[in-house]
């Protein structure tokens, strides 16, 4: 799970969910179930941290190729936070 701009990117099986941490509202959902793999990790990358990279794992199934993949999700309208930037969590 990554927390960016007080929002969460939560991994649940075949989905990456973007959740507002203040209200709990689902802001977006990336469904990767068609690829038959469980999501294993997410991170932001690219020059301006505008690309969400998603890794997956699973078992080899006919028609689904290799069991692990790397997805690059573009045009989300959000960016990640740079390492070393102080983060103050709201409680």
PDB file of N, CA and C in Angstrom:
ATOM      1  N   UNK A   1       0.852  -1.163   0.000  1.00  0.00           N
ATOM      2  CA  UNK A   1       0.000   0.000   0.000  1.00  0.00           C
ATOM      3  C   UNK A   1       0.902   1.232   0.000  1.00  0.00           C
ATOM      4  N   UNK A   2       0.559   2.230  -0.801  1.00  0.00           N
ATOM      5  CA  UNK A   2       1.295   3.485  -0.874  1.00  0.00           C
ATOM      6  C   UNK A   2       0.338   4.607  -0.506  1.00  0.00           C
ATOM      7  N   UNK A   3       0.798   5.542   0.347  1.00  0.00           N
ATOM      8  CA  UNK A   3      -0.041   6.690   0.681  1.00  0.00           C
ATOM      9  C   UNK A   3       0.531   7.924   0.005  1.00  0.00           C
ATOM     10  N   UNK A   4      -0.234   8.554  -0.880  1.00  0.00           N
ATOM     11  CA  UNK A   4       0.190   9.732  -1.628  1.00  0.00           C
ATOM     12  C   UNK A   4      -0.901  10.791  -1.501  1.00  0.00           C
ATOM     13  N   UNK A   5      -0.526  12.015  -1.146  1.00  0.00           N
ATOM     14  CA  UNK A   5      -1.478  13.121  -1.015  1.00  0.00           C
ATOM     15  C   UNK A   5      -2.667  12.721  -0.142  1.00  0.00           C
ATOM     16  N   UNK A   6      -2.392  12.043   0.922  1.00  0.00           N
ATOM     17  CA  UNK A   6      -3.415  11.590   1.857  1.00  0.00           C
ATOM     18  C   UNK A   6      -4.398  10.614   1.237  1.00  0.00           C
ATOM     19  N   UNK A   7      -3.987   9.953   0.168  1.00  0.00           N
ATOM     20  CA  UNK A   7      -4.814   8.923  -0.454  1.00  0.00           C
ATOM     21  C   UNK A   7      -4.040   7.618  -0.474  1.00  0.00           C
ATOM     22  N   UNK A   8      -4.765   6.515  -0.489  1.00  0.00           N
ATOM     23  CA  UNK A   8      -4.160   5.193  -0.495  1.00  0.00           C
ATOM     24  C   UNK A   8      -4.323   4.526  -1.852  1.00  0.00           C
ATOM     25  N   UNK A   9      -3.328   3.741  -2.227  1.00  0.00           N
ATOM     26  CA  UNK A   9      -3.410   2.835  -3.370  1.00  0.00           C
ATOM     27  C   UNK A   9      -3.339   1.446  -2.753  1.00  0.00           C
ATOM     28  N   UNK A  10      -4.439   0.743  -2.700  1.00  0.00           N
ATOM     29  CA  UNK A  10      -4.576  -0.515  -1.996  1.00  0.00           C
ATOM     30  C   UNK A  10      -4.643  -1.669  -2.997  1.00  0.00           C
ATOM     31  N   UNK A  11      -3.922  -2.739  -2.706  1.00  0.00           N
ATOM     32  CA  UNK A  11      -3.904  -3.918  -3.575  1.00  0.00           C
ATOM     33  C   UNK A  11      -4.848  -4.971  -3.014  1.00  0.00           C
ATOM     34  N   UNK A  12      -5.765  -5.435  -3.837  1.00  0.00           N
ATOM     35  CA  UNK A  12      -6.659  -6.515  -3.431  1.00  0.00           C
ATOM     36  C   UNK A  12      -6.773  -7.493  -4.592  1.00  0.00           C
ATOM     37  N   UNK A  13      -6.113  -8.617  -4.465  1.00  0.00           N
ATOM     38  CA  UNK A  13      -6.095  -9.668  -5.472  1.00  0.00           C
ATOM     39  C   UNK A  13      -5.783  -9.150  -6.866  1.00  0.00           C
ATOM     40  N   UNK A  14      -6.796  -8.929  -7.695  1.00  0.00           N
ATOM     41  CA  UNK A  14      -6.592  -8.516  -9.081  1.00  0.00           C
ATOM     42  C   UNK A  14      -6.817  -7.025  -9.290  1.00  0.00           C
ATOM     43  N   UNK A  15      -6.981  -6.264  -8.215  1.00  0.00           N
ATOM     44  CA  UNK A  15      -7.331  -4.857  -8.343  1.00  0.00           C
ATOM     45  C   UNK A  15      -6.362  -3.955  -7.589  1.00  0.00           C
ATOM     46  N   UNK A  16      -6.197  -2.748  -8.139  1.00  0.00           N
ATOM     47  CA  UNK A  16      -5.514  -1.664  -7.450  1.00  0.00           C
ATOM     48  C   UNK A  16      -6.590  -0.615  -7.211  1.00  0.00           C
ATOM     49  N   UNK A  17      -6.827  -0.287  -5.946  1.00  0.00           N
ATOM     50  CA  UNK A  17      -7.897   0.648  -5.606  1.00  0.00           C
ATOM     51  C   UNK A  17      -7.297   1.943  -5.084  1.00  0.00           C
ATOM     52  N   UNK A  18      -7.795   3.080  -5.556  1.00  0.00           N
ATOM     53  CA  UNK A  18      -7.378   4.413  -5.127  1.00  0.00           C
ATOM     54  C   UNK A  18      -8.449   4.923  -4.168  1.00  0.00           C
ATOM     55  N   UNK A  19      -8.072   5.108  -2.885  1.00  0.00           N
ATOM     56  CA  UNK A  19      -9.043   5.425  -1.835  1.00  0.00           C
ATOM     57  C   UNK A  19      -8.669   6.724  -1.140  1.00  0.00           C
ATOM     58  N   UNK A  20      -9.647   7.611  -0.962  1.00  0.00           N
ATOM     59  CA  UNK A  20      -9.457   8.834  -0.189  1.00  0.00           C
ATOM     60  C   UNK A  20      -9.357   8.440   1.281  1.00  0.00           C
ATOM     61  N   UNK A  21      -8.232   8.765   1.919  1.00  0.00           N
ATOM     62  CA  UNK A  21      -8.018   8.314   3.292  1.00  0.00           C
ATOM     63  C   UNK A  21      -8.838   9.101   4.306  1.00  0.00           C
ATOM     64  N   UNK A  22      -9.346  10.264   3.943  1.00  0.00           N
ATOM     65  CA  UNK A  22     -10.175  11.022   4.876  1.00  0.00           C
ATOM     66  C   UNK A  22     -11.616  10.524   4.897  1.00  0.00           C
ATOM     67  N   UNK A  23     -12.171  10.257   3.729  1.00  0.00           N
ATOM     68  CA  UNK A  23     -13.583   9.878   3.656  1.00  0.00           C
ATOM     69  C   UNK A  23     -13.805   8.380   3.437  1.00  0.00           C
ATOM     70  N   UNK A  24     -12.762   7.681   2.973  1.00  0.00           N
ATOM     71  CA  UNK A  24     -12.923   6.270   2.641  1.00  0.00           C
ATOM     72  C   UNK A  24     -13.568   6.058   1.281  1.00  0.00           C
ATOM     73  N   UNK A  25     -13.761   7.130   0.542  1.00  0.00           N
ATOM     74  CA  UNK A  25     -14.396   7.067  -0.779  1.00  0.00           C
ATOM     75  C   UNK A  25     -13.460   6.416  -1.787  1.00  0.00           C
ATOM     76  N   UNK A  26     -14.009   5.526  -2.588  1.00  0.00           N
ATOM     77  CA  UNK A  26     -13.259   4.922  -3.674  1.00  0.00           C
ATOM     78  C   UNK A  26     -13.131   5.951  -4.796  1.00  0.00           C
ATOM     79  N   UNK A  27     -11.886   6.359  -5.096  1.00  0.00           N
ATOM     80  CA  UNK A  27     -11.634   7.367  -6.120  1.00  0.00           C
ATOM     81  C   UNK A  27     -11.376   6.758  -7.488  1.00  0.00           C
ATOM     82  N   UNK A  28     -10.934   5.519  -7.497  1.00  0.00           N
ATOM     83  CA  UNK A  28     -10.647   4.849  -8.755  1.00  0.00           C
ATOM     84  C   UNK A  28     -10.316   3.398  -8.519  1.00  0.00           C
ATOM     85  N   UNK A  29     -10.389   2.633  -9.576  1.00  0.00           N
ATOM     86  CA  UNK A  29     -10.188   1.198  -9.479  1.00  0.00           C
ATOM     87  C   UNK A  29      -9.551   0.717 -10.789  1.00  0.00           C
ATOM     88  N   UNK A  30      -8.435   0.015 -10.672  1.00  0.00           N
ATOM     89  CA  UNK A  30      -7.789  -0.567 -11.847  1.00  0.00           C
ATOM     90  C   UNK A  30      -7.945  -2.075 -11.740  1.00  0.00           C
ATOM     91  N   UNK A  31      -8.728  -2.647 -12.606  1.00  0.00           N
ATOM     92  CA  UNK A  31      -9.012  -4.081 -12.571  1.00  0.00           C
ATOM     93  C   UNK A  31      -8.106  -4.805 -13.560  1.00  0.00           C
ATOM     94  N   UNK A  32      -7.240  -5.671 -13.042  1.00  0.00           N
ATOM     95  CA  UNK A  32      -6.327  -6.437 -13.886  1.00  0.00           C
ATOM     96  C   UNK A  32      -6.695  -7.923 -13.911  1.00  0.00           C
ATOM     97  N   UNK A  33      -7.944  -8.236 -13.581  1.00  0.00           N
ATOM     98  CA  UNK A  33      -8.367  -9.638 -13.494  1.00  0.00           C
ATOM     99  C   UNK A  33      -8.280 -10.367 -14.826  1.00  0.00           C
ATOM    100  N   UNK A  34      -8.388  -9.643 -15.933  1.00  0.00           N
ATOM    101  CA  UNK A  34      -8.321 -10.308 -17.243  1.00  0.00           C
ATOM    102  C   UNK A  34      -6.964 -10.954 -17.485  1.00  0.00           C
ATOM    103  N   UNK A  35      -5.958 -10.548 -16.709  1.00  0.00           N
ATOM    104  CA  UNK A  35      -4.618 -11.115 -16.873  1.00  0.00           C
ATOM    105  C   UNK A  35      -4.387 -12.326 -15.979  1.00  0.00           C
ATOM    106  N   UNK A  36      -5.346 -12.654 -15.108  1.00  0.00           N
ATOM    107  CA  UNK A  36      -5.299 -13.867 -14.301  1.00  0.00           C
ATOM    108  C   UNK A  36      -4.186 -13.917 -13.273  1.00  0.00           C
ATOM    109  N   UNK A  37      -3.798 -12.756 -12.763  1.00  0.00           N
ATOM    110  CA  UNK A  37      -2.697 -12.719 -11.804  1.00  0.00           C
ATOM    111  C   UNK A  37      -3.058 -11.848 -10.610  1.00  0.00           C
ATOM    112  N   UNK A  38      -2.503 -12.189  -9.462  1.00  0.00           N
ATOM    113  CA  UNK A  38      -2.683 -11.369  -8.273  1.00  0.00           C
ATOM    114  C   UNK A  38      -1.659 -10.236  -8.273  1.00  0.00           C
ATOM    115  N   UNK A  39      -2.082  -9.055  -7.846  1.00  0.00           N
ATOM    116  CA  UNK A  39      -1.193  -7.910  -7.749  1.00  0.00           C
ATOM    117  C   UNK A  39      -0.263  -8.137  -6.558  1.00  0.00           C
ATOM    118  N   UNK A  40       1.029  -7.872  -6.751  1.00  0.00           N
ATOM    119  CA  UNK A  40       1.999  -8.091  -5.671  1.00  0.00           C
ATOM    120  C   UNK A  40       2.595  -6.807  -5.131  1.00  0.00           C
ATOM    121  N   UNK A  41       2.682  -5.739  -5.944  1.00  0.00           N
ATOM    122  CA  UNK A  41       3.282  -4.494  -5.476  1.00  0.00           C
ATOM    123  C   UNK A  41       2.941  -3.354  -6.429  1.00  0.00           C
ATOM    124  N   UNK A  42       2.989  -2.120  -5.898  1.00  0.00           N
ATOM    125  CA  UNK A  42       2.825  -0.926  -6.722  1.00  0.00           C
ATOM    126  C   UNK A  42       3.861   0.107  -6.307  1.00  0.00           C
ATOM    127  N   UNK A  43       4.265   0.939  -7.245  1.00  0.00           N
ATOM    128  CA  UNK A  43       5.145   2.065  -6.964  1.00  0.00           C
ATOM    129  C   UNK A  43       4.996   3.089  -8.085  1.00  0.00           C
ATOM    130  N   UNK A  44       5.229   4.345  -7.747  1.00  0.00           N
ATOM    131  CA  UNK A  44       5.201   5.384  -8.769  1.00  0.00           C
ATOM    132  C   UNK A  44       6.591   5.569  -9.341  1.00  0.00           C
ATOM    133  N   UNK A  45       6.679   5.852 -10.642  1.00  0.00           N
ATOM    134  CA  UNK A  45       7.946   6.083 -11.312  1.00  0.00           C
ATOM    135  C   UNK A  45       7.756   7.035 -12.471  1.00  0.00           C
ATOM    136  N   UNK A  46       8.790   7.180 -13.275  1.00  0.00           N
ATOM    137  CA  UNK A  46       8.781   8.133 -14.368  1.00  0.00           C
ATOM    138  C   UNK A  46       9.415   9.435 -13.917  1.00  0.00           C
ATOM    139  N   UNK A  47       9.680  10.299 -14.862  1.00  0.00           N
ATOM    140  CA  UNK A  47      10.357  11.572 -14.581  1.00  0.00           C
ATOM    141  C   UNK A  47       9.669  12.364 -13.472  1.00  0.00           C
ATOM    142  N   UNK A  48       8.363  12.468 -13.527  1.00  0.00           N
ATOM    143  CA  UNK A  48       7.600  13.232 -12.545  1.00  0.00           C
ATOM    144  C   UNK A  48       6.745  12.347 -11.641  1.00  0.00           C
ATOM    145  N   UNK A  49       7.111  11.078 -11.525  1.00  0.00           N
ATOM    146  CA  UNK A  49       6.369  10.094 -10.729  1.00  0.00           C
ATOM    147  C   UNK A  49       4.906  10.016 -11.152  1.00  0.00           C
ATOM    148  N   UNK A  50       4.684  10.093 -12.451  1.00  0.00           N
ATOM    149  CA  UNK A  50       3.327  10.099 -12.993  1.00  0.00           C
ATOM    150  C   UNK A  50       2.871   8.726 -13.489  1.00  0.00           C
ATOM    151  N   UNK A  51       3.740   7.739 -13.430  1.00  0.00           N
ATOM    152  CA  UNK A  51       3.407   6.387 -13.899  1.00  0.00           C
ATOM    153  C   UNK A  51       3.287   5.474 -12.685  1.00  0.00           C
ATOM    154  N   UNK A  52       2.204   4.738 -12.605  1.00  0.00           N
ATOM    155  CA  UNK A  52       2.040   3.751 -11.535  1.00  0.00           C
ATOM    156  C   UNK A  52       2.482   2.402 -12.084  1.00  0.00           C
ATOM    157  N   UNK A  53       3.543   1.857 -11.511  1.00  0.00           N
ATOM    158  CA  UNK A  53       4.026   0.537 -11.914  1.00  0.00           C
ATOM    159  C   UNK A  53       3.407  -0.504 -10.989  1.00  0.00           C
ATOM    160  N   UNK A  54       2.900  -1.562 -11.591  1.00  0.00           N
ATOM    161  CA  UNK A  54       2.213  -2.622 -10.860  1.00  0.00           C
ATOM    162  C   UNK A  54       2.857  -3.950 -11.225  1.00  0.00           C
ATOM    163  N   UNK A  55       3.258  -4.723 -10.217  1.00  0.00           N
ATOM    164  CA  UNK A  55       3.785  -6.063 -10.478  1.00  0.00           C
ATOM    165  C   UNK A  55       2.741  -7.091 -10.079  1.00  0.00           C
ATOM    166  N   UNK A  56       2.808  -8.240 -10.737  1.00  0.00           N
ATOM    167  CA  UNK A  56       1.847  -9.301 -10.442  1.00  0.00           C
ATOM    168  C   UNK A  56       2.552 -10.648 -10.390  1.00  0.00           C
ATOM    169  N   UNK A  57       1.894 -11.587  -9.790  1.00  0.00           N
ATOM    170  CA  UNK A  57       2.395 -12.950  -9.730  1.00  0.00           C
ATOM    171  C   UNK A  57       1.229 -13.905  -9.870  1.00  0.00           C
ATOM    172  N   UNK A  58       1.519 -15.147 -10.022  1.00  0.00           N
ATOM    173  CA  UNK A  58       0.459 -16.138 -10.155  1.00  0.00           C
ATOM    174  C   UNK A  58       1.018 -17.431 -10.686  1.00  0.00           C
ATOM    175  N   UNK A  59       0.137 -18.283 -11.106  1.00  0.00           N
ATOM    176  CA  UNK A  59       0.552 -19.555 -11.681  1.00  0.00           C
ATOM    177  C   UNK A  59       0.355 -19.505 -13.186  1.00  0.00           C
ATOM    178  N   UNK A  60       1.129 -20.273 -13.888  1.00  0.00           N
ATOM    179  CA  UNK A  60       1.015 -20.303 -15.349  1.00  0.00           C
ATOM    180  C   UNK A  60      -0.298 -20.977 -15.744  1.00  0.00           C
ATOM    181  N   UNK A  61      -1.120 -20.263 -16.511  1.00  0.00           N
ATOM    182  CA  UNK A  61      -2.392 -20.791 -16.990  1.00  0.00           C
ATOM    183  C   UNK A  61      -2.414 -20.724 -18.509  1.00  0.00           C
ATOM    184  N   UNK A  62      -3.014 -21.703 -19.161  1.00  0.00           N
ATOM    185  CA  UNK A  62      -3.091 -21.669 -20.624  1.00  0.00           C
ATOM    186  C   UNK A  62      -3.758 -20.379 -21.103  1.00  0.00           C
ATOM    187  N   UNK A  63      -3.126 -19.724 -22.052  1.00  0.00           N
ATOM    188  CA  UNK A  63      -3.686 -18.512 -22.618  1.00  0.00           C
ATOM    189  C   UNK A  63      -3.329 -17.226 -21.894  1.00  0.00           C
ATOM    190  N   UNK A  64      -2.632 -17.322 -20.752  1.00  0.00           N
ATOM    191  CA  UNK A  64      -2.303 -16.128 -19.982  1.00  0.00           C
ATOM    192  C   UNK A  64      -0.815 -15.805 -19.983  1.00  0.00           C
ATOM    193  N   UNK A  65      -0.006 -16.537 -20.705  1.00  0.00           N
ATOM    194  CA  UNK A  65       1.420 -16.241 -20.769  1.00  0.00           C
ATOM    195  C   UNK A  65       2.146 -16.586 -19.475  1.00  0.00           C
ATOM    196  N   UNK A  66       3.224 -15.876 -19.224  1.00  0.00           N
ATOM    197  CA  UNK A  66       4.037 -16.120 -18.043  1.00  0.00           C
ATOM    198  C   UNK A  66       3.317 -15.646 -16.774  1.00  0.00           C
ATOM    199  N   UNK A  67       3.652 -16.255 -15.622  1.00  0.00           N
ATOM    200  CA  UNK A  67       2.909 -15.954 -14.403  1.00  0.00           C
ATOM    201  C   UNK A  67       3.164 -14.584 -13.779  1.00  0.00           C
ATOM    202  N   UNK A  68       4.268 -13.918 -14.046  1.00  0.00           N
ATOM    203  CA  UNK A  68       4.536 -12.609 -13.460  1.00  0.00           C
ATOM    204  C   UNK A  68       4.597 -11.532 -14.521  1.00  0.00           C
ATOM    205  N   UNK A  69       4.121 -10.348 -14.193  1.00  0.00           N
ATOM    206  CA  UNK A  69       4.110  -9.258 -15.167  1.00  0.00           C
ATOM    207  C   UNK A  69       4.418  -7.934 -14.491  1.00  0.00           C
ATOM    208  N   UNK A  70       4.828  -6.956 -15.305  1.00  0.00           N
ATOM    209  CA  UNK A  70       5.002  -5.575 -14.877  1.00  0.00           C
ATOM    210  C   UNK A  70       4.107  -4.721 -15.760  1.00  0.00           C
ATOM    211  N   UNK A  71       3.200  -3.979 -15.136  1.00  0.00           N
ATOM    212  CA  UNK A  71       2.291  -3.097 -15.851  1.00  0.00           C
ATOM    213  C   UNK A  71       2.694  -1.653 -15.579  1.00  0.00           C
ATOM    214  N   UNK A  72       2.614  -0.793 -16.561  1.00  0.00           N
ATOM    215  CA  UNK A  72       2.856   0.640 -16.412  1.00  0.00           C
ATOM    216  C   UNK A  72       1.535   1.349 -16.704  1.00  0.00           C
ATOM    217  N   UNK A  73       0.941   1.948 -15.681  1.00  0.00           N
ATOM    218  CA  UNK A  73      -0.352   2.605 -15.808  1.00  0.00           C
ATOM    219  C   UNK A  73      -0.118   4.111 -15.958  1.00  0.00           C
ATOM    220  N   UNK A  74      -0.542   4.671 -17.094  1.00  0.00           N
ATOM    221  CA  UNK A  74      -0.334   6.089 -17.416  1.00  0.00           C
ATOM    222  C   UNK A  74      -1.642   6.869 -17.280  1.00  0.00           C
ATOM    223  N   UNK A  75      -1.522   8.184 -17.267  1.00  0.00           N
ATOM    224  CA  UNK A  75      -2.668   9.103 -17.325  1.00  0.00           C
ATOM    225  C   UNK A  75      -3.661   8.924 -16.180  1.00  0.00           C
ATOM    226  N   UNK A  76      -3.145   8.777 -14.962  1.00  0.00           N
ATOM    227  CA  UNK A  76      -4.018   8.641 -13.793  1.00  0.00           C
ATOM    228  C   UNK A  76      -4.457   9.994 -13.234  1.00  0.00           C
ATOM    229  N   UNK A  77      -3.728  11.056 -13.596  1.00  0.00           N
ATOM    230  CA  UNK A  77      -4.060  12.369 -13.066  1.00  0.00           C
ATOM    231  C   UNK A  77      -3.522  12.631 -11.675  1.00  0.00           C
ATOM    232  N   UNK A  78      -2.668  11.748 -11.176  1.00  0.00           N
ATOM    233  CA  UNK A  78      -2.016  11.916  -9.870  1.00  0.00           C
ATOM    234  C   UNK A  78      -0.543  11.577 -10.022  1.00  0.00           C
ATOM    235  N   UNK A  79       0.253  11.979  -9.047  1.00  0.00           N
ATOM    236  CA  UNK A  79       1.674  11.628  -9.038  1.00  0.00           C
ATOM    237  C   UNK A  79       2.048  11.094  -7.667  1.00  0.00           C
ATOM    238  N   UNK A  80       3.169  10.394  -7.624  1.00  0.00           N
ATOM    239  CA  UNK A  80       3.693   9.890  -6.375  1.00  0.00           C
ATOM    240  C   UNK A  80       4.470  10.969  -5.637  1.00  0.00           C
ATOM    241  N   UNK A  81       4.933  10.636  -4.433  1.00  0.00           N
ATOM    242  CA  UNK A  81       5.733  11.555  -3.623  1.00  0.00           C
ATOM    243  C   UNK A  81       7.204  11.175  -3.744  1.00  0.00           C
ATOM    244  N   UNK A  82       8.069  12.172  -3.800  1.00  0.00           N
ATOM    245  CA  UNK A  82       9.507  11.930  -3.892  1.00  0.00           C
ATOM    246  C   UNK A  82      10.054  11.409  -2.572  1.00  0.00           C
ATOM    247  N   UNK A  83      11.042  10.510  -2.644  1.00  0.00           N
ATOM    248  CA  UNK A  83      11.709   9.995  -1.448  1.00  0.00           C
ATOM    249  C   UNK A  83      12.416  11.137  -0.741  1.00  0.00           C
ATOM    250  N   UNK A  84      12.407  11.099   0.569  1.00  0.00           N
ATOM    251  CA  UNK A  84      13.095  12.119   1.348  1.00  0.00           C
ATOM    252  C   UNK A  84      12.263  13.351   1.617  1.00  0.00           C
ATOM    253  N   UNK A  85      11.075  13.442   1.019  1.00  0.00           N
ATOM    254  CA  UNK A  85      10.193  14.574   1.287  1.00  0.00           C
ATOM    255  C   UNK A  85       9.444  14.269   2.570  1.00  0.00           C
ATOM    256  N   UNK A  86       9.531  15.176   3.568  1.00  0.00           N
ATOM    257  CA  UNK A  86       8.832  14.917   4.839  1.00  0.00           C
ATOM    258  C   UNK A  86       7.341  14.716   4.613  1.00  0.00           C
ATOM    259  N   UNK A  87       6.797  13.766   5.319  1.00  0.00           N
ATOM    260  CA  UNK A  87       5.370  13.447   5.199  1.00  0.00           C
ATOM    261  C   UNK A  87       4.743  13.554   6.583  1.00  0.00           C
ATOM    262  N   UNK A  88       3.697  14.327   6.698  1.00  0.00           N
ATOM    263  CA  UNK A  88       2.985  14.462   7.954  1.00  0.00           C
ATOM    264  C   UNK A  88       1.642  13.775   7.790  1.00  0.00           C
ATOM    265  N   UNK A  89       1.443  12.719   8.558  1.00  0.00           N
ATOM    266  CA  UNK A  89       0.193  11.979   8.457  1.00  0.00           C
ATOM    267  C   UNK A  89      -0.868  12.620   9.339  1.00  0.00           C
ATOM    268  N   UNK A  90      -2.079  12.763   8.827  1.00  0.00           N
ATOM    269  CA  UNK A  90      -3.180  13.314   9.591  1.00  0.00           C
ATOM    270  C   UNK A  90      -3.832  12.200  10.420  1.00  0.00           C
ATOM    271  N   UNK A  91      -4.168  12.508  11.635  1.00  0.00           N
ATOM    272  CA  UNK A  91      -4.897  11.564  12.500  1.00  0.00           C
ATOM    273  C   UNK A  91      -6.115  12.230  13.058  1.00  0.00           C
TER     274      UNK A  91
END
